[in-house]
Amino acid sequence: MSADKIVKSLASDDKIARAVQQPGTRKTSDKRMSFEQNIAAQDEDDEEEEEEEDEEENVEGVEGKEAKERRADKPNKGPKIWDQWSKWSACSVTCGIGKITRWRHCVSGGCAPGEKEAQIKTCTLPSC
């Protein structure tokens, strides 16, 4: 089988297709790489990307104690990222004027340990 046919058949594999810019070679800093070196270089790039992704632990979708433990392990840096707001609480009184509250927690970025925000609204129930 000719080299062109091999390259065309291998180019159907997305990983290899990204590595091959010209059949058999890729120009990098005025050096020409063989097809095998080209594929090996692409594999190394892919491995580095996977390692970087593994280092970025995703806390999204994790609830409760486990989420707090994972957040505690993360360094505080960058802009604050907040959880979704909780549901509104019940009114603080059974009659008259009271308040309702909801909370959200800082999950990453420049958060202080246990940092959270509250929103408070007035609630009005029938008078006592």
N, C-alpha and C. Protein backbone atom coordinates (compact mmCIF):
# COMPACT_ATOMS: atom_id res chain seq x y z
N MET A 1 0.85 -1.17 0.00
CA MET A 1 0.00 0.00 0.00
C MET A 1 0.90 1.23 0.00
N SER A 2 0.57 2.25 -0.80
CA SER A 2 1.41 3.44 -0.89
C SER A 2 1.24 4.31 0.36
N ALA A 3 2.22 5.19 0.57
CA ALA A 3 2.19 6.07 1.75
C ALA A 3 0.97 6.98 1.72
N ASP A 4 0.59 7.47 0.51
CA ASP A 4 -0.58 8.34 0.40
C ASP A 4 -1.85 7.61 0.81
N LYS A 5 -1.99 6.34 0.42
CA LYS A 5 -3.17 5.57 0.79
C LYS A 5 -3.20 5.31 2.29
N ILE A 6 -2.05 5.05 2.89
CA ILE A 6 -1.99 4.83 4.34
C ILE A 6 -2.41 6.10 5.07
N VAL A 7 -1.87 7.24 4.63
CA VAL A 7 -2.22 8.51 5.27
C VAL A 7 -3.71 8.78 5.14
N LYS A 8 -4.27 8.54 3.95
CA LYS A 8 -5.71 8.77 3.75
C LYS A 8 -6.54 7.85 4.62
N SER A 9 -6.15 6.60 4.73
CA SER A 9 -6.95 5.68 5.55
C SER A 9 -6.80 6.02 7.03
N LEU A 10 -5.60 6.43 7.45
CA LEU A 10 -5.39 6.80 8.85
C LEU A 10 -6.02 8.15 9.17
N ALA A 11 -6.13 9.02 8.18
CA ALA A 11 -6.69 10.35 8.40
C ALA A 11 -8.16 10.30 8.80
N SER A 12 -8.82 9.17 8.58
CA SER A 12 -10.21 9.06 9.01
C SER A 12 -10.32 9.03 10.53
N ASP A 13 -9.26 8.64 11.21
CA ASP A 13 -9.20 8.70 12.67
C ASP A 13 -8.97 10.15 13.05
N ASP A 14 -9.88 10.75 13.83
CA ASP A 14 -9.84 12.18 14.15
C ASP A 14 -8.52 12.57 14.80
N LYS A 15 -8.02 11.77 15.71
CA LYS A 15 -6.78 12.08 16.41
C LYS A 15 -5.62 12.19 15.42
N ILE A 16 -5.55 11.27 14.50
CA ILE A 16 -4.48 11.28 13.51
C ILE A 16 -4.72 12.39 12.50
N ALA A 17 -5.98 12.63 12.14
CA ALA A 17 -6.27 13.67 11.16
C ALA A 17 -5.81 15.03 11.68
N ARG A 18 -5.95 15.27 13.01
CA ARG A 18 -5.49 16.53 13.57
C ARG A 18 -3.98 16.62 13.53
N ALA A 19 -3.29 15.50 13.61
CA ALA A 19 -1.83 15.51 13.63
C ALA A 19 -1.24 15.69 12.24
N VAL A 20 -1.96 15.33 11.22
CA VAL A 20 -1.43 15.34 9.86
C VAL A 20 -1.89 16.60 9.15
N GLN A 21 -0.96 17.50 8.88
CA GLN A 21 -1.29 18.68 8.10
C GLN A 21 -0.95 18.46 6.63
N GLN A 22 0.14 17.78 6.40
CA GLN A 22 0.53 17.40 5.06
C GLN A 22 0.87 15.92 5.13
N PRO A 23 0.54 15.16 4.12
CA PRO A 23 0.82 13.72 4.18
C PRO A 23 2.27 13.45 4.54
N GLY A 24 2.48 12.81 5.70
CA GLY A 24 3.81 12.37 6.09
C GLY A 24 4.64 13.34 6.88
N THR A 25 4.34 14.65 6.83
CA THR A 25 5.19 15.60 7.54
C THR A 25 4.36 16.74 8.12
N ARG A 26 4.96 17.42 9.11
CA ARG A 26 4.40 18.65 9.66
C ARG A 26 5.59 19.57 9.88
N LYS A 27 5.49 20.80 9.43
CA LYS A 27 6.60 21.73 9.59
C LYS A 27 6.47 22.39 10.96
N THR A 28 7.53 22.29 11.75
CA THR A 28 7.56 22.88 13.08
C THR A 28 8.91 23.54 13.27
N SER A 29 8.95 24.84 13.40
CA SER A 29 10.19 25.59 13.61
C SER A 29 11.26 25.20 12.59
N ASP A 30 10.91 25.23 11.34
CA ASP A 30 11.82 24.91 10.24
C ASP A 30 12.39 23.49 10.30
N LYS A 31 11.79 22.60 11.06
CA LYS A 31 12.19 21.20 11.07
C LYS A 31 11.04 20.40 10.49
N ARG A 32 11.36 19.43 9.69
CA ARG A 32 10.32 18.56 9.16
C ARG A 32 10.30 17.29 9.99
N MET A 33 9.10 16.89 10.35
CA MET A 33 8.96 15.71 11.20
C MET A 33 8.43 14.56 10.36
N SER A 34 8.91 13.37 10.64
CA SER A 34 8.37 12.21 9.96
C SER A 34 6.96 11.97 10.44
N PHE A 35 6.24 11.17 9.72
CA PHE A 35 4.86 10.83 10.08
C PHE A 35 4.81 10.27 11.50
N GLU A 36 5.73 9.36 11.83
CA GLU A 36 5.75 8.73 13.16
C GLU A 36 6.05 9.76 14.25
N GLN A 37 7.02 10.66 13.99
CA GLN A 37 7.34 11.70 14.97
C GLN A 37 6.15 12.64 15.16
N ASN A 38 5.48 12.93 14.05
CA ASN A 38 4.32 13.81 14.07
C ASN A 38 3.23 13.23 14.97
N ILE A 39 2.93 11.94 14.80
CA ILE A 39 1.91 11.27 15.60
C ILE A 39 2.34 11.23 17.06
N ALA A 40 3.61 10.93 17.32
CA ALA A 40 4.11 10.87 18.70
C ALA A 40 4.00 12.24 19.37
N ALA A 41 4.32 13.30 18.62
CA ALA A 41 4.21 14.66 19.18
C ALA A 41 2.76 14.99 19.51
N GLN A 42 1.84 14.60 18.63
CA GLN A 42 0.42 14.85 18.89
C GLN A 42 -0.05 14.08 20.11
N ASP A 43 0.40 12.83 20.25
CA ASP A 43 0.03 12.03 21.43
C ASP A 43 0.52 12.69 22.71
N GLU A 44 1.74 13.24 22.69
CA GLU A 44 2.27 13.94 23.87
C GLU A 44 1.41 15.15 24.20
N ASP A 45 1.01 15.92 23.17
CA ASP A 45 0.14 17.08 23.39
C ASP A 45 -1.17 16.66 24.01
N ASP A 46 -1.77 15.58 23.50
CA ASP A 46 -3.04 15.08 24.03
C ASP A 46 -2.90 14.65 25.49
N GLU A 47 -1.79 13.98 25.82
CA GLU A 47 -1.56 13.53 27.20
C GLU A 47 -1.43 14.72 28.14
N GLU A 48 -0.73 15.78 27.71
CA GLU A 48 -0.58 16.98 28.54
C GLU A 48 -1.94 17.62 28.79
N GLU A 49 -2.79 17.71 27.75
CA GLU A 49 -4.13 18.28 27.90
C GLU A 49 -4.95 17.46 28.89
N GLU A 50 -4.87 16.12 28.79
CA GLU A 50 -5.63 15.25 29.70
C GLU A 50 -5.16 15.44 31.14
N GLU A 51 -3.84 15.59 31.35
CA GLU A 51 -3.31 15.80 32.70
C GLU A 51 -3.82 17.12 33.27
N GLU A 52 -3.85 18.18 32.43
CA GLU A 52 -4.35 19.47 32.89
C GLU A 52 -5.83 19.36 33.26
N GLU A 53 -6.62 18.64 32.46
CA GLU A 53 -8.04 18.47 32.75
C GLU A 53 -8.23 17.70 34.04
N ASP A 54 -7.40 16.68 34.29
CA ASP A 54 -7.51 15.90 35.52
C ASP A 54 -7.23 16.76 36.74
N GLU A 55 -6.31 17.75 36.61
CA GLU A 55 -5.98 18.61 37.73
C GLU A 55 -7.14 19.54 38.08
N GLU A 56 -7.99 19.88 37.11
CA GLU A 56 -9.12 20.75 37.35
C GLU A 56 -10.31 19.91 37.78
N GLU A 57 -10.49 19.77 39.08
CA GLU A 57 -11.57 18.94 39.60
C GLU A 57 -12.87 19.72 39.52
N ASN A 58 -13.90 19.10 39.00
CA ASN A 58 -15.19 19.75 38.82
C ASN A 58 -16.08 19.44 40.01
N VAL A 59 -16.54 20.48 40.71
CA VAL A 59 -17.38 20.32 41.88
C VAL A 59 -18.85 20.44 41.49
N GLU A 60 -19.13 20.93 40.29
CA GLU A 60 -20.51 21.14 39.86
C GLU A 60 -21.32 19.85 39.96
N GLY A 61 -22.51 19.95 40.51
CA GLY A 61 -23.39 18.80 40.61
C GLY A 61 -23.17 17.98 41.86
N VAL A 62 -22.15 18.30 42.65
CA VAL A 62 -21.89 17.58 43.89
C VAL A 62 -22.61 18.32 45.00
N GLU A 63 -23.35 17.60 45.83
CA GLU A 63 -24.16 18.25 46.86
C GLU A 63 -23.66 17.94 48.26
N GLY A 64 -24.04 18.78 49.21
CA GLY A 64 -23.87 18.51 50.62
C GLY A 64 -22.44 18.43 51.10
N LYS A 65 -22.19 17.50 52.02
CA LYS A 65 -20.90 17.37 52.70
C LYS A 65 -19.75 17.15 51.72
N GLU A 66 -19.99 16.31 50.71
CA GLU A 66 -18.93 16.01 49.74
C GLU A 66 -18.51 17.28 49.01
N ALA A 67 -19.48 18.12 48.62
CA ALA A 67 -19.16 19.37 47.93
C ALA A 67 -18.34 20.29 48.83
N LYS A 68 -18.70 20.39 50.10
CA LYS A 68 -17.96 21.24 51.04
C LYS A 68 -16.53 20.73 51.20
N GLU A 69 -16.36 19.41 51.30
CA GLU A 69 -15.02 18.84 51.44
C GLU A 69 -14.18 19.13 50.21
N ARG A 70 -14.77 19.00 49.04
CA ARG A 70 -14.01 19.27 47.81
C ARG A 70 -13.66 20.75 47.72
N ARG A 71 -14.60 21.62 48.10
CA ARG A 71 -14.32 23.05 48.07
C ARG A 71 -13.20 23.40 49.03
N ALA A 72 -13.17 22.76 50.20
CA ALA A 72 -12.15 23.05 51.21
C ALA A 72 -10.76 22.68 50.71
N ASP A 73 -10.66 21.69 49.82
CA ASP A 73 -9.37 21.26 49.28
C ASP A 73 -8.85 22.20 48.20
N LYS A 74 -9.69 23.05 47.65
CA LYS A 74 -9.30 23.91 46.54
C LYS A 74 -8.72 25.22 47.06
N PRO A 75 -7.66 25.72 46.45
CA PRO A 75 -7.12 27.01 46.87
C PRO A 75 -8.08 28.13 46.48
N ASN A 76 -8.12 29.18 47.29
CA ASN A 76 -8.97 30.33 46.99
C ASN A 76 -8.21 31.28 46.08
N LYS A 77 -8.66 31.41 44.84
CA LYS A 77 -8.02 32.30 43.90
C LYS A 77 -9.02 32.69 42.83
N GLY A 78 -8.77 33.81 42.17
CA GLY A 78 -9.61 34.26 41.07
C GLY A 78 -10.95 34.81 41.53
N PRO A 79 -11.81 35.15 40.58
CA PRO A 79 -13.12 35.72 40.93
C PRO A 79 -13.99 34.69 41.64
N LYS A 80 -14.86 35.19 42.49
CA LYS A 80 -15.75 34.30 43.26
C LYS A 80 -16.77 33.65 42.33
N ILE A 81 -17.02 32.38 42.56
CA ILE A 81 -18.05 31.64 41.83
C ILE A 81 -19.04 31.14 42.86
N TRP A 82 -20.34 31.40 42.61
CA TRP A 82 -21.38 31.12 43.59
C TRP A 82 -22.26 29.97 43.15
N ASP A 83 -22.72 29.19 44.15
CA ASP A 83 -23.77 28.18 43.94
C ASP A 83 -25.06 28.87 43.53
N GLN A 84 -26.04 28.09 43.15
CA GLN A 84 -27.37 28.65 42.89
C GLN A 84 -28.00 29.04 44.22
N TRP A 85 -28.95 29.96 44.15
CA TRP A 85 -29.67 30.37 45.36
C TRP A 85 -30.50 29.20 45.87
N SER A 86 -30.60 29.11 47.21
CA SER A 86 -31.47 28.10 47.82
C SER A 86 -32.92 28.54 47.62
N LYS A 87 -33.85 27.68 48.01
CA LYS A 87 -35.26 28.07 48.00
C LYS A 87 -35.49 29.08 49.12
N TRP A 88 -36.53 29.88 48.97
CA TRP A 88 -36.88 30.84 50.01
C TRP A 88 -37.34 30.08 51.25
N SER A 89 -36.96 30.59 52.43
CA SER A 89 -37.39 29.98 53.70
C SER A 89 -38.87 30.29 53.93
N ALA A 90 -39.44 29.64 54.92
CA ALA A 90 -40.79 29.99 55.35
C ALA A 90 -40.73 31.37 56.01
N CYS A 91 -41.84 32.04 56.08
CA CYS A 91 -41.90 33.34 56.73
C CYS A 91 -41.50 33.18 58.20
N SER A 92 -40.78 34.15 58.71
CA SER A 92 -40.26 34.07 60.08
C SER A 92 -41.33 34.23 61.16
N VAL A 93 -42.53 34.63 60.76
CA VAL A 93 -43.64 34.79 61.72
C VAL A 93 -44.84 34.00 61.22
N THR A 94 -45.78 33.72 62.10
CA THR A 94 -47.00 33.01 61.69
C THR A 94 -48.13 33.98 61.39
N CYS A 95 -47.99 35.23 61.82
CA CYS A 95 -48.96 36.26 61.48
C CYS A 95 -48.27 37.62 61.52
N GLY A 96 -48.76 38.55 60.72
CA GLY A 96 -48.15 39.88 60.67
C GLY A 96 -47.03 39.95 59.65
N ILE A 97 -46.07 40.84 59.93
CA ILE A 97 -44.98 41.09 58.99
C ILE A 97 -43.71 40.39 59.48
N GLY A 98 -43.10 39.63 58.59
CA GLY A 98 -41.88 38.91 58.92
C GLY A 98 -40.90 38.99 57.78
N LYS A 99 -40.05 38.01 57.71
CA LYS A 99 -39.07 38.00 56.62
C LYS A 99 -38.88 36.58 56.10
N ILE A 100 -38.48 36.50 54.83
CA ILE A 100 -38.07 35.24 54.22
C ILE A 100 -36.63 35.42 53.76
N THR A 101 -35.89 34.34 53.76
CA THR A 101 -34.45 34.40 53.46
C THR A 101 -34.08 33.27 52.51
N ARG A 102 -33.11 33.54 51.67
CA ARG A 102 -32.49 32.48 50.88
C ARG A 102 -30.99 32.72 50.86
N TRP A 103 -30.23 31.63 50.63
CA TRP A 103 -28.77 31.65 50.73
C TRP A 103 -28.12 31.08 49.48
N ARG A 104 -26.88 31.48 49.29
CA ARG A 104 -26.02 30.80 48.32
C ARG A 104 -24.60 30.82 48.88
N HIS A 105 -23.84 29.80 48.52
CA HIS A 105 -22.48 29.63 49.04
C HIS A 105 -21.46 29.92 47.95
N CYS A 106 -20.35 30.50 48.35
CA CYS A 106 -19.23 30.71 47.45
C CYS A 106 -18.53 29.36 47.28
N VAL A 107 -18.38 28.91 46.03
CA VAL A 107 -17.84 27.57 45.78
C VAL A 107 -16.39 27.57 45.31
N SER A 108 -15.90 28.67 44.76
CA SER A 108 -14.49 28.71 44.35
C SER A 108 -14.09 30.14 44.07
N GLY A 109 -12.83 30.32 43.84
CA GLY A 109 -12.30 31.66 43.61
C GLY A 109 -11.80 32.27 44.90
N GLY A 110 -11.95 33.56 45.05
CA GLY A 110 -11.45 34.27 46.22
C GLY A 110 -12.38 34.22 47.41
N CYS A 111 -12.92 33.05 47.72
CA CYS A 111 -13.87 32.89 48.83
C CYS A 111 -13.15 32.76 50.16
N ALA A 112 -13.78 33.31 51.20
CA ALA A 112 -13.35 33.02 52.56
C ALA A 112 -13.97 31.68 52.94
N PRO A 113 -13.35 30.91 53.84
CA PRO A 113 -13.93 29.62 54.24
C PRO A 113 -15.36 29.80 54.76
N GLY A 114 -16.29 29.04 54.18
CA GLY A 114 -17.69 29.08 54.61
C GLY A 114 -18.45 30.32 54.16
N GLU A 115 -17.89 31.11 53.26
CA GLU A 115 -18.53 32.35 52.83
C GLU A 115 -19.86 32.07 52.13
N LYS A 116 -20.88 32.87 52.50
CA LYS A 116 -22.18 32.74 51.87
C LYS A 116 -22.86 34.10 51.84
N GLU A 117 -23.86 34.24 50.99
CA GLU A 117 -24.64 35.46 50.86
C GLU A 117 -26.10 35.14 51.18
N ALA A 118 -26.81 36.15 51.66
CA ALA A 118 -28.23 35.99 51.95
C ALA A 118 -29.01 37.06 51.20
N GLN A 119 -30.22 36.73 50.80
CA GLN A 119 -31.19 37.70 50.30
C GLN A 119 -32.37 37.63 51.25
N ILE A 120 -32.86 38.79 51.66
CA ILE A 120 -33.95 38.84 52.63
C ILE A 120 -35.07 39.70 52.04
N LYS A 121 -36.30 39.20 52.17
CA LYS A 121 -37.48 39.93 51.71
C LYS A 121 -38.50 39.98 52.85
N THR A 122 -39.35 40.95 52.77
CA THR A 122 -40.45 41.05 53.73
C THR A 122 -41.56 40.11 53.30
N CYS A 123 -42.19 39.46 54.28
CA CYS A 123 -43.38 38.66 54.00
C CYS A 123 -44.51 39.18 54.90
N THR A 124 -45.69 39.21 54.35
CA THR A 124 -46.84 39.71 55.10
C THR A 124 -47.90 38.62 55.16
N LEU A 125 -48.26 38.25 56.39
CA LEU A 125 -49.30 37.25 56.63
C LEU A 125 -50.48 37.96 57.30
N PRO A 126 -51.63 37.31 57.34
CA PRO A 126 -52.77 37.96 58.01
C PRO A 126 -52.39 38.38 59.44
N SER A 127 -52.95 39.51 59.87
CA SER A 127 -52.60 40.01 61.21
C SER A 127 -53.05 39.06 62.31
N CYS A 128 -52.40 39.14 63.45
CA CYS A 128 -52.65 38.23 64.57
C CYS A 128 -53.99 38.53 65.25
